[in-house]
Protein backbone atom coordinates (compact mmCIF):
# COMPACT_ATOMS: atom_id res chain seq x y z
CA MET A 1 -42.31 -19.14 2.88
CA ILE A 2 -40.23 -19.92 -0.23
CA ARG A 3 -39.15 -16.30 -0.50
CA LYS A 4 -38.11 -16.17 3.16
CA ILE A 5 -36.07 -19.38 2.83
CA THR A 6 -34.47 -18.09 -0.36
CA ALA A 7 -33.46 -14.79 1.20
CA ALA A 8 -32.10 -16.63 4.23
CA LEU A 9 -29.98 -18.83 1.99
CA LEU A 10 -28.59 -15.77 0.21
CA ILE A 11 -27.69 -14.16 3.52
CA THR A 12 -26.09 -17.40 4.75
CA SER A 13 -23.96 -17.65 1.63
CA MET A 14 -22.92 -14.05 2.09
CA LEU A 15 -21.68 -14.77 5.61
CA VAL A 16 -19.74 -17.79 4.37
CA MET A 17 -18.06 -15.96 1.46
CA GLY A 18 -17.98 -12.41 2.76
CA VAL A 19 -17.86 -11.03 -0.77
CA SER A 20 -20.87 -8.77 -1.15
CA SER A 21 -23.04 -6.44 0.87
CA PHE A 22 -26.29 -6.94 2.74
CA SER A 23 -27.76 -3.97 0.88
CA SER A 24 -27.44 -5.86 -2.42
CA VAL A 25 -29.79 -8.53 -1.11
CA TYR A 26 -32.14 -6.38 0.96
CA SER A 27 -32.69 -3.92 -1.91
CA ALA A 28 -33.54 -6.74 -4.33
CA SER A 29 -37.14 -7.44 -5.29
CA PRO A 30 -38.75 -10.83 -4.56
CA VAL A 31 -38.45 -11.67 -8.25
CA GLN A 32 -34.71 -10.86 -8.24
CA ILE A 33 -34.19 -12.95 -5.11
CA GLN A 34 -35.94 -15.94 -6.69
CA SER A 35 -33.89 -15.53 -9.90
CA ALA A 36 -30.70 -15.28 -7.87
CA TYR A 37 -31.58 -18.46 -6.01
CA THR A 38 -32.11 -20.25 -9.32
CA ALA A 39 -28.78 -18.94 -10.58
CA GLN A 40 -26.99 -20.05 -7.41
CA ALA A 41 -28.46 -23.54 -7.64
CA ASN A 42 -27.53 -23.93 -11.32
CA PHE A 43 -24.07 -22.51 -10.69
CA ALA A 44 -23.44 -24.97 -7.86
CA LYS A 45 -24.73 -27.87 -9.96
CA GLU A 46 -22.59 -26.94 -13.00
CA PHE A 47 -19.36 -26.98 -11.02
CA GLN A 48 -20.43 -29.57 -8.43
CA LEU A 49 -20.11 -27.13 -5.55
CA ASP A 50 -21.59 -27.11 -2.08
CA ILE A 51 -24.34 -24.46 -2.28
CA LYS A 52 -23.04 -22.97 0.99
CA THR A 53 -19.79 -21.98 -0.71
CA VAL A 54 -21.54 -19.94 -3.41
CA SER A 55 -21.44 -16.20 -2.80
CA SER A 56 -24.40 -13.92 -2.39
CA PRO A 57 -25.29 -12.13 -5.63
CA ILE A 58 -24.44 -8.74 -6.99
CA PHE A 59 -27.22 -7.26 -9.10
CA TYR A 60 -25.39 -5.17 -11.66
CA ASP A 61 -25.74 -4.06 -15.27
CA ILE A 62 -22.32 -5.39 -16.24
CA ASN A 63 -22.94 -5.31 -20.03
CA ASN A 64 -24.53 -1.83 -20.04
CA ASP A 65 -27.85 -2.97 -21.56
CA ASN A 66 -29.94 -1.17 -18.91
CA SER A 67 -30.84 -4.45 -17.23
CA ASP A 68 -29.13 -5.89 -14.15
CA GLU A 69 -27.32 -9.19 -14.43
CA ILE A 70 -26.70 -11.54 -11.51
CA VAL A 71 -23.04 -12.04 -10.63
CA ILE A 72 -21.92 -14.84 -8.30
CA THR A 73 -18.63 -16.51 -7.38
CA ALA A 74 -17.24 -19.44 -5.41
CA THR A 75 -13.91 -20.95 -4.45
CA SER A 76 -13.10 -24.61 -3.83
CA LYS A 77 -10.16 -26.99 -3.71
CA ASP A 78 -9.62 -30.10 -5.76
CA GLN A 79 -8.26 -33.37 -4.39
CA GLY A 80 -4.72 -32.03 -4.56
CA ASN A 81 -5.71 -28.89 -2.59
CA TRP A 82 -5.30 -26.79 -5.77
CA ILE A 83 -7.42 -23.64 -5.42
CA ILE A 84 -10.04 -23.10 -8.11
CA GLY A 85 -12.13 -19.97 -8.45
CA TYR A 86 -15.53 -19.90 -10.16
CA ILE A 87 -17.42 -16.98 -11.68
CA GLY A 88 -20.92 -16.94 -13.12
CA ILE A 89 -23.03 -14.30 -14.87
CA TYR A 90 -26.79 -14.79 -15.19
CA THR A 91 -29.65 -12.76 -16.64
CA LYS A 92 -32.18 -11.05 -14.41
CA ASP A 93 -34.34 -14.16 -14.96
CA GLY A 94 -31.63 -16.48 -13.65
CA LYS A 95 -30.56 -17.82 -17.05
CA LYS A 96 -26.87 -18.43 -17.61
CA VAL A 97 -24.96 -15.90 -19.70
CA THR A 98 -21.48 -17.26 -19.05
CA SER A 99 -19.45 -18.99 -16.37
CA LYS A 100 -15.90 -20.15 -15.95
CA SER A 101 -13.39 -21.67 -13.55
CA VAL A 102 -9.95 -20.24 -12.91
CA GLU A 103 -7.35 -22.65 -11.57
CA GLY A 104 -4.98 -21.32 -8.96
CA GLN A 105 -7.12 -18.28 -8.21
CA ASN A 106 -8.84 -17.76 -4.86
CA VAL A 107 -11.86 -15.56 -5.60
CA VAL A 108 -12.54 -13.61 -2.41
CA GLY A 109 -14.79 -10.88 -3.73
CA ILE A 110 -16.60 -9.18 -6.58
CA LYS A 111 -17.05 -5.42 -6.80
CA LYS A 112 -18.55 -2.93 -9.17
CA ILE A 113 -16.15 -0.70 -11.08
CA LYS A 114 -16.67 1.91 -13.78
CA ASN A 115 -14.51 3.74 -16.30
CA LYS A 116 -15.28 6.14 -19.12
CA SER A 117 -14.33 3.72 -21.89
CA TYR A 118 -16.18 0.56 -20.86
CA LYS A 119 -18.68 2.16 -18.46
CA ASN A 120 -19.79 -0.66 -16.13
CA ALA A 121 -17.22 -3.37 -15.48
CA LEU A 122 -16.52 -5.97 -12.84
CA ALA A 123 -13.62 -6.08 -10.38
CA ILE A 124 -12.85 -9.69 -9.49
CA VAL A 125 -10.87 -9.73 -6.27
CA TYR A 126 -8.38 -12.55 -5.73
CA GLY A 127 -6.50 -13.53 -2.60
CA THR A 128 -2.73 -13.33 -3.07
CA GLY A 129 -1.87 -15.94 -0.45
CA ASN A 130 -0.26 -13.54 2.04
CA GLY A 131 -3.37 -11.88 3.39
CA GLY A 132 -3.53 -9.39 0.53
CA VAL A 133 -5.54 -9.16 -2.66
CA SER A 134 -5.23 -8.32 -6.34
CA VAL A 135 -7.88 -7.29 -8.87
CA ASP A 136 -8.81 -8.32 -12.40
CA VAL A 137 -10.93 -5.71 -14.15
CA THR A 138 -13.30 -7.66 -16.39
CA VAL A 139 -16.00 -6.70 -18.88
CA LEU A 140 -18.86 -8.70 -20.35
CA GLN A 141 -18.76 -8.54 -24.15
CA SER A 142 -20.72 -10.75 -26.57
CA GLY A 143 -21.63 -13.07 -23.73
CA LYS A 144 -18.04 -13.60 -22.58
CA LEU A 145 -15.98 -12.28 -19.69
CA ASN A 146 -12.88 -10.51 -20.98
CA LYS A 147 -10.13 -9.33 -18.68
CA ILE A 148 -8.90 -5.85 -19.58
CA TYR A 149 -6.44 -5.32 -16.73
CA SER A 150 -4.78 -7.08 -13.79
CA THR A 151 -3.31 -5.19 -10.89
CA GLY A 152 -0.34 -6.43 -8.97
CA ALA A 153 -0.67 -7.28 -5.29
CA LEU A 154 -2.45 -4.40 -3.56
CA VAL A 155 -0.84 -5.19 -0.17
CA ARG A 156 -4.09 -4.79 1.70
CA GLU A 157 -6.85 -7.08 2.94
CA ASP A 158 -9.52 -5.74 0.61
CA ALA A 159 -9.71 -3.85 -2.66
CA VAL A 160 -10.74 -0.21 -2.24
CA ILE A 161 -12.45 1.04 -5.41
CA LYS A 162 -13.85 4.58 -5.68
CA ASP A 163 -13.87 7.64 -7.93
CA SER A 164 -11.98 9.96 -5.59
CA ASP A 165 -11.05 12.53 -8.24
CA LYS A 166 -14.61 12.64 -9.65
CA ASP A 167 -13.44 12.11 -13.24
CA GLY A 168 -16.08 9.49 -14.03
CA SER A 169 -13.71 6.53 -13.65
CA ASP A 170 -13.14 4.53 -10.48
CA GLU A 171 -9.63 4.20 -9.09
CA ILE A 172 -8.20 1.06 -7.46
CA TYR A 173 -6.23 1.71 -4.28
CA GLY A 174 -3.37 -0.26 -2.80
CA LEU A 175 0.06 0.05 -1.24
CA GLN A 176 3.55 -0.50 -2.61
CA TYR A 177 6.64 -1.24 -0.58
CA TYR A 178 9.14 1.60 -0.86
CA VAL A 179 12.39 -0.04 -1.99
CA ALA A 180 15.35 2.33 -1.73
CA LEU A 181 18.74 2.85 -0.11
CA GLU A 182 17.02 4.65 2.73
CA THR A 183 14.84 1.61 3.54
CA ARG A 184 17.37 -1.17 2.86
CA SER A 185 17.61 -2.30 6.50
CA LEU A 186 13.86 -2.49 7.08
CA SER A 187 11.85 -5.69 6.89
CA LYS A 188 8.63 -5.90 4.89
CA ALA A 189 6.72 -5.92 8.18
CA ASP A 190 8.41 -2.74 9.43
CA GLY A 191 8.89 -1.13 6.03
CA ILE A 192 7.51 2.00 4.43
CA TYR A 193 4.55 1.63 2.09
CA ASP A 194 3.59 4.28 -0.44
CA LYS A 195 0.04 4.83 -1.67
CA MET A 196 -0.53 3.11 -5.00
CA VAL A 197 -3.44 4.09 -7.24
CA TYR A 198 -4.52 2.55 -10.52
CA LYS A 199 -6.13 5.30 -12.61
CA TRP A 200 -8.00 4.88 -15.87
CA ASP A 201 -6.29 6.67 -18.76
CA VAL A 202 -8.87 7.34 -21.48
CA SER A 203 -6.25 8.23 -24.11
CA LYS A 204 -4.34 4.98 -23.56
CA ASN A 205 -7.47 2.94 -22.85
CA LYS A 206 -5.90 1.25 -19.85
CA TYR A 207 -5.11 1.67 -16.17
CA ILE A 208 -1.95 3.53 -15.19
CA LYS A 209 -0.25 2.82 -11.88
CA VAL A 210 0.54 5.99 -9.92
CA ILE A 211 2.67 6.04 -6.76
CA TYR A 212 2.41 8.75 -4.10
CA GLY A 213 5.25 9.16 -1.60
CA GLN A 214 4.95 9.72 2.12
CA ASP A 215 4.67 13.45 1.44
CA GLY A 216 1.60 12.94 -0.75
CA ILE A 217 3.38 13.98 -3.96
CA GLU A 218 3.08 11.84 -7.09
CA ASP A 219 6.47 10.30 -7.84
CA THR A 220 6.41 11.19 -11.54
CA LYS A 221 5.85 14.86 -10.67
CA ARG A 222 8.77 15.24 -8.29
CA LYS A 223 11.58 17.70 -8.91
CA LYS A 224 14.81 16.07 -9.98
CA VAL A 225 17.22 15.47 -7.09
CA ASP A 226 20.60 16.89 -8.07
CA SER A 227 23.99 15.56 -7.07
CA ILE A 228 25.48 16.80 -3.82
CA THR A 229 28.58 18.88 -3.07
CA SER A 230 30.75 19.11 0.03
CA LYS A 231 29.19 22.43 1.04
CA THR A 232 25.63 21.14 0.53
CA ALA A 233 26.41 17.99 2.52
CA LEU A 234 27.83 19.98 5.45
CA ASN A 235 24.81 22.30 5.45
CA LEU A 236 22.52 19.28 5.48
CA LEU A 237 24.34 17.80 8.46
CA GLN A 238 24.15 21.09 10.32
CA ASN A 239 20.42 21.41 9.60
CA ALA A 240 19.84 17.81 10.69
CA ARG A 241 21.50 18.46 14.06
CA THR A 242 19.50 21.66 14.51
CA ARG A 243 16.29 19.76 13.79
CA GLN A 244 17.20 17.19 16.45
CA VAL A 245 18.05 19.59 19.27
CA SER A 246 15.22 22.06 18.60
CA MET A 247 12.46 19.47 18.85
CA SER A 248 9.87 19.90 21.61
CA VAL A 249 9.67 16.81 23.81
CA PRO A 250 8.11 14.64 25.05
CA THR A 251 6.04 14.01 21.93
CA THR A 252 4.24 11.20 20.19
CA LEU A 253 6.33 8.65 18.31
CA ASN A 254 4.56 9.54 15.07
CA ASN A 255 5.28 13.24 15.49
CA PHE A 256 8.92 12.50 16.37
CA ASN A 257 9.37 10.42 13.22
CA LYS A 258 7.62 12.99 11.01
CA LYS A 259 9.98 15.71 12.27
CA LEU A 260 13.02 13.64 11.27
CA GLU A 261 11.81 12.20 7.95
CA PRO A 262 12.75 15.18 5.71
CA LEU A 263 16.41 15.03 6.80
CA PHE A 264 17.05 11.46 7.98
CA THR A 265 16.63 8.12 6.22
CA TYR A 266 14.06 5.59 7.36
CA ASN A 267 16.98 3.31 8.23
CA PHE A 268 18.31 5.87 10.73
CA ILE A 269 14.89 6.65 12.19
CA ALA A 270 14.18 2.94 12.72
CA ARG A 271 17.45 2.52 14.62
CA VAL A 272 16.68 5.51 16.85
CA ASN A 273 13.18 4.13 17.50
CA ALA A 274 14.68 0.80 18.55
CA GLU A 275 17.65 2.01 20.60
CA GLY A 276 17.58 5.74 21.25
CA LEU A 277 14.29 6.72 22.90
CA PHE A 278 12.85 7.09 26.38
CA THR A 279 9.12 6.41 26.67
CA ASP A 280 7.00 7.86 29.49
CA SER A 281 3.85 6.47 31.10
CA LYS A 282 1.68 8.22 28.50
CA GLY A 283 3.49 6.62 25.58
CA ARG A 284 5.28 9.84 24.64
CA VAL A 285 8.91 9.70 23.61
CA THR A 286 12.07 11.69 24.26
CA PRO A 287 15.30 10.98 22.37
CA GLN A 288 18.17 10.02 24.65
CA TYR A 289 20.29 12.91 23.38
CA LEU A 290 17.72 15.35 24.83
CA GLY A 291 17.00 13.43 28.02
CA SER A 292 20.49 12.32 29.08
CA ASP A 293 24.19 12.69 28.24
CA ASP A 294 24.00 9.84 25.71
CA TYR A 295 24.60 11.49 22.33
CA THR A 296 24.93 8.31 20.28
CA TRP A 297 22.12 9.34 17.92
CA LEU A 298 22.82 13.08 17.81
CA VAL A 299 24.46 14.29 14.60
CA PRO A 300 27.94 15.66 15.44
CA ALA A 301 28.46 19.42 15.10
CA PHE A 302 29.77 19.46 11.53
CA ASN A 303 30.84 22.97 10.51
CA PRO A 304 30.18 24.12 6.92
CA ILE A 305 32.97 26.75 7.02
CA LYS A 306 35.71 24.38 8.15
CA LYS A 307 37.77 21.96 6.10
CA ALA A 308 36.26 18.57 5.45
CA THR A 309 36.93 15.54 3.26
CA PHE A 310 34.12 14.78 0.84
CA LYS A 311 33.69 11.66 -1.28
CA LEU A 312 30.87 10.92 -3.70
CA SER A 313 30.23 7.27 -4.55
CA SER A 314 30.85 6.10 -8.11
CA ASN A 315 27.10 5.71 -8.74
CA LYS A 316 26.45 9.12 -7.16
CA GLN A 317 23.80 7.65 -4.84
CA SER A 318 25.67 8.19 -1.59
CA ALA A 319 28.35 10.47 -0.19
CA THR A 320 30.68 10.52 2.81
CA VAL A 321 31.79 13.61 4.75
CA THR A 322 34.68 13.45 7.21
CA GLN A 323 35.64 16.30 9.51
CA SER A 324 37.62 16.83 12.73
CA ILE A 325 35.46 18.42 15.41
CA THR A 326 36.56 19.89 18.74
CA GLU A 327 34.27 18.87 21.59
CA ASN A 328 34.10 20.04 25.19
CA VAL A 329 33.72 17.12 27.56
CA GLU A 330 33.37 18.21 31.18
CA GLY A 331 35.71 21.14 30.63
CA ASP A 332 38.29 19.26 28.61
CA LEU A 333 38.68 19.80 24.88
CA TYR A 334 39.00 16.82 22.57
CA THR A 335 39.38 16.66 18.82
CA VAL A 336 37.29 13.88 17.32
CA THR A 337 37.10 12.89 13.67
CA TYR A 338 33.64 12.00 12.49
CA SER A 339 32.39 10.51 9.24
CA ALA A 340 28.80 10.83 8.08
CA THR A 341 27.09 9.00 5.23
CA LEU A 342 24.34 10.65 3.23
CA VAL A 343 22.16 8.92 0.64
CA LYS A 344 20.14 10.17 -2.29
CA THR A 345 16.39 9.52 -2.06
CA LYS A 346 13.43 10.49 -4.18
CA TYR A 347 12.75 13.21 -1.61
CA GLY A 348 16.29 14.60 -1.62
CA TRP A 349 19.55 13.85 0.18
CA LYS A 350 19.29 12.54 3.75
CA VAL A 351 21.55 11.62 6.66
CA ASP A 352 21.86 7.84 6.91
CA SER A 353 24.57 7.26 9.54
CA PHE A 354 27.62 8.73 11.26
CA LYS A 355 30.46 7.43 13.37
CA SER A 356 33.62 8.48 15.19
CA ASN A 357 36.88 7.44 13.56
CA ASN A 358 38.86 7.88 16.79
CA ILE A 359 39.97 4.94 18.90
CA PHE A 360 39.86 5.73 22.61
């Protein structure tokens, strides 16, 4: 009966905290369960916690001595509503190894993590206050918990930790907001987020943050984006228009955006999504410039072999092309002067906007 009650208490605490897995408890032996119960009770008593707020245990050889320790956590608030996180490490017999409180830290999870230098380590997952999490990688040395690395905000609800590249060290996965000229008009909610991976570097004995763009290429391995010339800018504008008019529609919104991304900024695509699409009953989209005579979002027919005015910004991060274009409107010819703005991105130069300089 005692064992059944103990196991039930561990499961209840798991549901309250949501920080471990059922398999950790169900795979434990009766002796481990009893030791974990003892550890939980002592942990709660030490920090004067409600036993229901104490997490279920992780059985894990955190100090690499070939014997599993018991790892538990809890979070509470003091009288001033200041968040305090608690962490405890106990031997397989339920005896305390070390414990500590961390003011201002909301401990929402504990996970196993490994790297080639320290072998077994502990990932302490903290809530960042905006629905996301961050991770402290911690090792147990000489009976003390020592933090060896802290990630920034991972911009996700849980920490994903796995050895995807099979190099013997776990990676920590998150997202990073892509801040650039081509995303300047987007909110954080509607913004573009690149994949962020913390990888263990054995030579440097620390984690290295690696960012992968929307094309899956690591940012540090990208080819350098050169400056732009008038001819290159005009060719880009011509290619952008060709991409727009040659697209098969209707199509999914995701496919539409992916077709435009190599040549148009995320600012431009967001504006087209908001103002320049027709949507059918199946949720498929057609740009207005292909489904009507509204060409607001269609790149004008810039001609690379005709004269144009080109201006590169002083910081060489944007450029403007101006050209007079003859257009046929219902049989009548009109000459319209258009200006287009292109911006430099980590992927290359892209079309950001265009406008008519004529006053009708």
